[in-house]
């Protein structure tokens, strides 16, 4: 069942330029969905809209089959974790987590019981009497998550919660967030600009660009089958080849190049074929295929540690190719490239 349904949403801060335009998003109950994209794409605006901090200029926000457009923030039972954590410096860990319960006028006995349960859940029981300044970044984040969870929210909203942590702690904490989310079965919206971060913990990912969703799919499908050039570039595809269809899964590029491609988009023209640098093979011997072969000239070689990366000039343009260390090519060497039909994606 869809818990969240954003229908034809538009948002403008100045009344003229829309940050979101005809934006649609559905999230099923119990899912962790990430909003992924570069700065300015509208992902935080989407989260603020759901939280109730801003109203849409057009469209509907339906939550649990109810219209939430006019429901104020304090009446939305949503837990929110900010990028800065926003803990109260003068309150202990216990009191920070208890704050939302006290605002709801929960009796003292129940407050103590609920806070102790959450402290146990986020592994902060031994830090209950400490103040935020006495905690590490990861510990402060746990407190912020605990404060959001203690009210038993209908929805958890996370706005770049890991961006202030170092790389090692980010890796640890994203696993902790996923474990908590799955244990509680709480529907979660997670905003990030980090591809690896969101792919590792999400059920579905919405890749956003200039206020629209370019692709909404599982992390695996977005990584393997990007739907647009923007998504492909965002998830690491670097080589783009203009193509026209010749029918029967056969395409032509510039010059005399022809490519067989395993694709259901064969009837369309003016497509782009894209392939990752790791998937292009530098041939050491001749093969029978006439298609998917390009002659090239090495322009630049870069050492990556486990492999070398080459910029190879071909008739379809300069391609980025990652080659193994078992054969090393230098600037000016002629090479033959093989682009497997199963590795070329049409966007």
Protein backbone atom coordinates (compact mmCIF):
# COMPACT_ATOMS: atom_id res chain seq x y z
CA UNK A 1 0.00 0.00 0.00
CA UNK A 2 1.22 3.52 -0.84
CA UNK A 3 1.76 5.45 2.39
CA UNK A 4 3.08 8.57 0.62
CA UNK A 5 1.61 9.91 -2.59
CA UNK A 6 2.88 13.22 -3.95
CA UNK A 7 0.60 14.11 -6.87
CA UNK A 8 1.56 16.75 -9.47
CA UNK A 9 3.38 18.82 -6.87
CA UNK A 10 4.87 22.20 -7.73
CA UNK A 11 6.85 24.35 -5.27
CA UNK A 12 8.15 27.87 -5.76
CA UNK A 13 9.90 30.08 -3.20
CA UNK A 14 9.54 33.29 -5.19
CA UNK A 15 6.25 32.68 -6.99
CA UNK A 16 8.02 32.51 -10.34
CA UNK A 17 10.66 29.79 -10.55
CA UNK A 18 9.53 26.30 -9.57
CA UNK A 19 11.93 24.18 -7.51
CA UNK A 20 9.58 21.21 -8.07
CA UNK A 21 7.28 21.04 -11.08
CA UNK A 22 4.54 18.43 -11.64
CA UNK A 23 6.46 16.22 -9.21
CA UNK A 24 5.10 12.73 -8.49
CA UNK A 25 6.34 10.18 -5.98
CA UNK A 26 4.80 7.12 -4.33
CA UNK A 27 6.34 5.35 -1.34
CA UNK A 28 5.02 2.06 -0.01
CA UNK A 29 4.62 1.48 3.71
CA UNK A 30 7.78 0.08 5.32
CA UNK A 31 10.14 1.13 2.53
CA UNK A 32 13.33 3.16 2.82
CA UNK A 33 13.37 5.47 -0.19
CA UNK A 34 16.29 7.78 -0.97
CA UNK A 35 16.09 11.07 -2.84
CA UNK A 36 19.41 11.29 -4.68
CA UNK A 37 20.79 14.13 -6.75
CA UNK A 38 23.17 17.10 -6.95
CA UNK A 39 22.76 20.31 -4.97
CA UNK A 40 19.75 22.32 -6.11
CA UNK A 41 17.83 19.39 -7.62
CA UNK A 42 14.91 19.72 -5.17
CA UNK A 43 15.48 16.78 -2.83
CA UNK A 44 15.57 18.79 0.41
CA UNK A 45 12.60 20.85 -0.79
CA UNK A 46 10.70 17.58 -1.22
CA UNK A 47 11.58 16.56 2.35
CA UNK A 48 10.57 19.99 3.72
CA UNK A 49 7.26 19.73 1.88
CA UNK A 50 6.54 16.31 3.39
CA UNK A 51 7.59 17.55 6.85
CA UNK A 52 5.15 20.44 6.55
CA UNK A 53 7.64 23.35 6.57
CA UNK A 54 6.44 24.53 3.15
CA UNK A 55 3.19 24.16 1.21
CA UNK A 56 2.93 23.24 -2.48
CA UNK A 57 1.84 25.94 -4.90
CA UNK A 58 0.06 23.17 -6.79
CA UNK A 59 -0.74 19.50 -6.29
CA UNK A 60 -1.54 17.21 -3.36
CA UNK A 61 0.38 15.45 -0.62
CA UNK A 62 -1.59 12.36 0.32
CA UNK A 63 -0.42 10.47 3.42
CA UNK A 64 -2.11 7.25 4.46
CA UNK A 65 -4.99 8.15 2.11
CA UNK A 66 -5.52 11.56 3.78
CA UNK A 67 -4.87 15.01 2.30
CA UNK A 68 -1.98 16.51 4.29
CA UNK A 69 -1.60 19.80 2.39
CA UNK A 70 -3.06 21.93 5.20
CA UNK A 71 -2.03 19.84 8.21
CA UNK A 72 0.54 21.84 10.27
CA UNK A 73 3.95 20.49 11.26
CA UNK A 74 3.06 19.83 14.90
CA UNK A 75 0.11 17.66 13.90
CA UNK A 76 2.14 15.46 11.56
CA UNK A 77 3.55 12.61 13.59
CA UNK A 78 6.81 12.58 11.64
CA UNK A 79 10.32 12.13 13.01
CA UNK A 80 12.96 14.39 11.46
CA UNK A 81 16.76 14.12 11.68
CA UNK A 82 18.61 17.21 10.45
CA UNK A 83 22.05 17.40 8.87
CA UNK A 84 23.29 19.34 11.92
CA UNK A 85 21.44 17.01 14.38
CA UNK A 86 20.02 20.17 16.12
CA UNK A 87 20.46 18.83 19.67
CA UNK A 88 19.83 21.13 22.62
CA UNK A 89 23.30 21.81 24.10
CA UNK A 90 21.94 22.53 27.61
CA UNK A 91 20.03 19.22 27.83
CA UNK A 92 21.44 15.77 28.59
CA UNK A 93 21.11 12.88 26.16
CA UNK A 94 18.12 11.63 28.16
CA UNK A 95 16.38 15.00 28.09
CA UNK A 96 17.12 15.58 24.41
CA UNK A 97 15.40 12.32 23.54
CA UNK A 98 12.57 13.01 26.00
CA UNK A 99 11.87 16.49 24.59
CA UNK A 100 9.23 15.44 22.05
CA UNK A 101 7.38 13.33 24.61
CA UNK A 102 7.27 16.18 27.11
CA UNK A 103 5.92 18.52 24.43
CA UNK A 104 3.13 15.98 23.94
CA UNK A 105 2.50 16.08 27.69
CA UNK A 106 3.19 12.36 28.19
CA UNK A 107 3.24 11.47 31.89
CA UNK A 108 6.65 11.21 33.57
CA UNK A 109 6.54 7.45 34.15
CA UNK A 110 5.86 6.70 30.50
CA UNK A 111 8.48 9.24 29.40
CA UNK A 112 11.14 7.44 31.42
CA UNK A 113 10.07 4.04 30.10
CA UNK A 114 9.99 5.14 26.43
CA UNK A 115 13.30 7.02 26.59
CA UNK A 116 15.06 4.07 28.23
CA UNK A 117 13.76 1.78 25.46
CA UNK A 118 15.09 4.13 22.78
CA UNK A 119 18.44 4.56 24.56
CA UNK A 120 18.77 0.79 24.46
CA UNK A 121 17.76 0.69 20.80
CA UNK A 122 20.34 3.27 19.67
CA UNK A 123 23.00 1.90 22.04
CA UNK A 124 23.31 5.10 24.10
CA UNK A 125 22.12 3.90 27.52
CA UNK A 126 25.49 4.49 29.20
CA UNK A 127 25.59 8.07 27.87
CA UNK A 128 22.18 9.16 29.15
CA UNK A 129 23.55 11.80 31.55
CA UNK A 130 26.07 13.32 29.15
CA UNK A 131 25.63 16.55 27.21
CA UNK A 132 26.02 16.86 23.41
CA UNK A 133 29.44 18.54 23.70
CA UNK A 134 30.72 15.41 25.47
CA UNK A 135 29.73 13.13 22.57
CA UNK A 136 31.38 12.14 19.31
CA UNK A 137 29.73 12.89 15.97
CA UNK A 138 28.38 9.37 15.67
CA UNK A 139 26.98 9.46 19.19
CA UNK A 140 25.25 12.79 18.56
CA UNK A 141 23.71 11.30 15.46
CA UNK A 142 22.38 8.36 17.48
CA UNK A 143 20.77 10.79 19.91
CA UNK A 144 19.15 12.70 17.04
CA UNK A 145 17.78 9.47 15.62
CA UNK A 146 16.60 8.40 19.07
CA UNK A 147 14.78 11.70 19.53
CA UNK A 148 13.03 11.20 16.19
CA UNK A 149 12.07 7.60 16.98
CA UNK A 150 10.85 8.01 20.58
CA UNK A 151 7.55 9.61 19.46
CA UNK A 152 6.77 6.43 17.49
CA UNK A 153 6.53 8.40 14.22
CA UNK A 154 4.42 7.39 11.25
CA UNK A 155 7.28 8.47 8.99
CA UNK A 156 11.02 9.06 9.48
CA UNK A 157 12.66 11.88 7.50
CA UNK A 158 16.47 11.98 7.26
CA UNK A 159 18.10 15.08 5.70
CA UNK A 160 21.74 14.29 4.81
CA UNK A 161 22.27 12.80 8.31
CA UNK A 162 25.74 11.43 7.56
CA UNK A 163 27.36 14.37 5.79
CA UNK A 164 29.14 15.70 8.91
CA UNK A 165 30.82 12.38 9.72
CA UNK A 166 34.19 11.08 8.55
CA UNK A 167 34.26 8.35 5.90
CA UNK A 168 34.76 5.41 8.28
CA UNK A 169 31.98 6.51 10.63
CA UNK A 170 29.61 7.22 7.73
CA UNK A 171 30.05 3.62 6.57
CA UNK A 172 29.27 2.31 10.06
CA UNK A 173 26.31 4.60 10.69
CA UNK A 174 24.54 3.93 7.40
CA UNK A 175 24.50 0.26 8.33
CA UNK A 176 23.09 1.18 11.74
CA UNK A 177 20.34 3.29 10.15
CA UNK A 178 19.34 0.44 7.85
CA UNK A 179 19.30 -2.05 10.74
CA UNK A 180 17.08 0.23 12.83
CA UNK A 181 14.74 0.95 9.92
CA UNK A 182 14.28 -2.73 9.13
CA UNK A 183 13.89 -3.70 12.79
CA UNK A 184 11.15 -1.12 13.34
CA UNK A 185 9.62 -1.42 9.86
CA UNK A 186 9.31 2.34 9.72
CA UNK A 187 8.75 4.09 6.38
CA UNK A 188 11.73 6.38 5.74
CA UNK A 189 12.64 9.16 3.33
CA UNK A 190 16.41 9.65 3.13
CA UNK A 191 17.96 12.67 1.38
CA UNK A 192 21.55 12.40 0.13
CA UNK A 193 23.86 13.41 -2.69
CA UNK A 194 26.05 10.34 -2.11
CA UNK A 195 25.34 7.54 -4.59
CA UNK A 196 27.14 4.77 -2.70
CA UNK A 197 25.48 5.76 0.56
CA UNK A 198 21.92 5.60 -0.73
CA UNK A 199 22.43 2.52 -2.92
CA UNK A 200 23.69 0.55 0.08
CA UNK A 201 20.61 1.06 2.28
CA UNK A 202 17.62 1.88 0.04
CA UNK A 203 14.73 -0.21 -1.18
CA UNK A 204 14.16 2.33 -3.97
CA UNK A 205 15.95 5.44 -5.17
CA UNK A 206 14.55 8.54 -6.85
CA UNK A 207 17.30 10.18 -8.92
CA UNK A 208 16.38 13.86 -9.13
CA UNK A 209 17.44 16.59 -11.55
CA UNK A 210 16.12 20.16 -11.70
CA UNK A 211 12.93 19.42 -9.79
CA UNK A 212 11.93 16.21 -11.54
CA UNK A 213 12.59 12.50 -11.03
CA UNK A 214 14.71 11.15 -13.88
CA UNK A 215 14.42 7.55 -12.66
CA UNK A 216 12.67 5.85 -9.73
CA UNK A 217 13.76 2.27 -9.32
CA UNK A 218 15.72 -0.24 -7.25
CA UNK A 219 19.40 0.64 -6.68
CA UNK A 220 20.44 -2.41 -8.71
CA UNK A 221 18.40 -1.42 -11.75
CA UNK A 222 19.48 2.21 -11.68
CA UNK A 223 23.13 1.15 -11.52
CA UNK A 224 22.82 -1.43 -14.31
CA UNK A 225 20.15 0.16 -16.52
CA UNK A 226 20.08 3.95 -16.26
CA UNK A 227 17.07 5.39 -18.09
CA UNK A 228 18.55 8.75 -19.12
CA UNK A 229 21.90 10.32 -19.91
CA UNK A 230 21.77 12.31 -16.65
CA UNK A 231 21.26 9.17 -14.55
CA UNK A 232 23.96 7.30 -16.48
CA UNK A 233 26.50 10.05 -15.86
CA UNK A 234 25.46 10.29 -12.21
CA UNK A 235 26.07 6.57 -11.58
CA UNK A 236 29.46 6.41 -13.29
CA UNK A 237 28.99 5.90 -17.02
CA UNK A 238 31.60 8.00 -18.86
CA UNK A 239 31.39 6.93 -22.52
CA UNK A 240 28.51 8.14 -24.71
CA UNK A 241 28.17 7.23 -28.38
CA UNK A 242 25.48 8.81 -30.66
CA UNK A 243 23.66 5.99 -32.50
CA UNK A 244 20.94 5.40 -35.08
CA UNK A 245 18.93 2.21 -35.38
CA UNK A 246 19.39 -0.08 -38.38
CA UNK A 247 16.86 -2.62 -37.05
CA UNK A 248 17.38 -6.12 -35.62
CA UNK A 249 19.32 -4.78 -32.60
CA UNK A 250 21.91 -3.26 -34.96
CA UNK A 251 22.99 0.38 -34.64
CA UNK A 252 25.38 2.64 -36.51
CA UNK A 253 27.66 5.28 -35.05
CA UNK A 254 30.01 7.78 -36.63
CA UNK A 255 32.25 6.66 -39.47
CA UNK A 256 31.93 3.00 -40.33
CA UNK A 257 31.19 1.85 -36.78
CA UNK A 258 28.35 -0.60 -36.14
CA UNK A 259 27.14 -2.05 -32.88
CA UNK A 260 24.98 -4.97 -31.87
CA UNK A 261 23.18 -4.08 -28.66
CA UNK A 262 20.89 -6.20 -26.50
CA UNK A 263 18.05 -3.71 -26.14
CA UNK A 264 14.29 -3.33 -26.44
CA UNK A 265 14.68 0.26 -27.73
CA UNK A 266 15.67 -0.76 -31.25
CA UNK A 267 12.91 1.15 -33.03
CA UNK A 268 14.04 4.53 -31.75
CA UNK A 269 16.50 6.81 -33.51
CA UNK A 270 19.01 9.36 -32.24
CA UNK A 271 19.88 7.36 -29.15
CA UNK A 272 22.97 7.42 -27.01
CA UNK A 273 24.80 4.21 -26.28
CA UNK A 274 26.73 4.29 -23.01
CA UNK A 275 29.23 1.86 -21.50
CA UNK A 276 31.38 1.88 -18.38
CA UNK A 277 35.19 2.11 -18.70
CA UNK A 278 35.54 -1.28 -16.97
CA UNK A 279 33.37 -2.99 -19.60
CA UNK A 280 35.41 -2.03 -22.67
CA UNK A 281 38.00 -4.67 -23.54
CA UNK A 282 41.38 -3.95 -25.13
CA UNK A 283 41.89 -6.84 -27.55
CA UNK A 284 45.15 -8.72 -27.53
CA UNK A 285 44.13 -10.96 -30.44
CA UNK A 286 41.74 -10.78 -33.38
CA UNK A 287 38.13 -11.93 -33.04
CA UNK A 288 35.59 -12.76 -35.73
CA UNK A 289 33.01 -10.09 -34.83
CA UNK A 290 32.78 -7.22 -37.28
CA UNK A 291 30.50 -5.16 -35.07
CA UNK A 292 31.37 -3.62 -31.71
CA UNK A 293 35.05 -3.23 -32.69
CA UNK A 294 36.81 0.13 -32.76
CA UNK A 295 40.37 1.01 -33.75
CA UNK A 296 41.89 3.62 -31.49
CA UNK A 297 44.95 5.58 -30.46
CA UNK A 298 46.02 5.97 -26.83
CA UNK A 299 46.09 9.69 -25.99
CA UNK A 300 46.49 9.62 -22.20
CA UNK A 301 47.42 6.89 -19.69
CA UNK A 302 46.60 7.23 -15.99
CA UNK A 303 47.74 4.82 -13.27
CA UNK A 304 44.91 3.81 -10.90
CA UNK A 305 46.76 1.24 -8.76
CA UNK A 306 44.91 -1.95 -9.67
CA UNK A 307 44.64 -0.92 -13.30
CA UNK A 308 45.50 1.70 -15.88
CA UNK A 309 42.98 4.08 -17.37
CA UNK A 310 43.33 5.12 -20.98
CA UNK A 311 41.78 7.89 -23.03
CA UNK A 312 41.52 6.33 -26.46
CA UNK A 313 40.72 8.36 -29.58
CA UNK A 314 38.33 6.51 -31.95
CA UNK A 315 36.04 7.38 -34.84
CA UNK A 316 33.09 7.70 -32.44
CA UNK A 317 34.99 10.01 -30.09
CA UNK A 318 37.43 9.65 -27.21
CA UNK A 319 36.55 6.72 -24.94
CA UNK A 320 37.68 6.13 -21.37
CA UNK A 321 38.90 2.54 -20.94
CA UNK A 322 40.16 0.74 -17.82
CA UNK A 323 42.75 -1.89 -18.69
CA UNK A 324 44.32 -4.54 -16.48
CA UNK A 325 47.99 -4.40 -15.50
CA UNK A 326 48.86 -7.54 -17.49
CA UNK A 327 49.35 -5.44 -20.62
CA UNK A 328 50.38 -1.79 -20.43
CA UNK A 329 50.00 0.65 -23.32
CA UNK A 330 51.71 3.99 -23.73
CA UNK A 331 50.72 7.26 -25.35
CA UNK A 332 50.62 6.87 -29.15
CA UNK A 333 50.01 3.09 -29.16
CA UNK A 334 47.37 1.75 -31.53
CA UNK A 335 44.76 -0.49 -29.87
CA UNK A 336 41.58 -2.33 -30.81
CA UNK A 337 38.60 -2.00 -28.50
CA UNK A 338 35.72 -4.43 -28.08
CA UNK A 339 32.42 -3.16 -26.66
CA UNK A 340 30.31 -6.23 -25.65
CA UNK A 341 26.70 -6.00 -26.81
CA UNK A 342 25.40 -6.89 -23.34
CA UNK A 343 27.33 -4.03 -21.72
CA UNK A 344 26.10 -1.17 -23.91
CA UNK A 345 23.05 0.60 -22.47
CA UNK A 346 20.76 2.79 -24.59
CA UNK A 347 19.54 6.01 -22.99
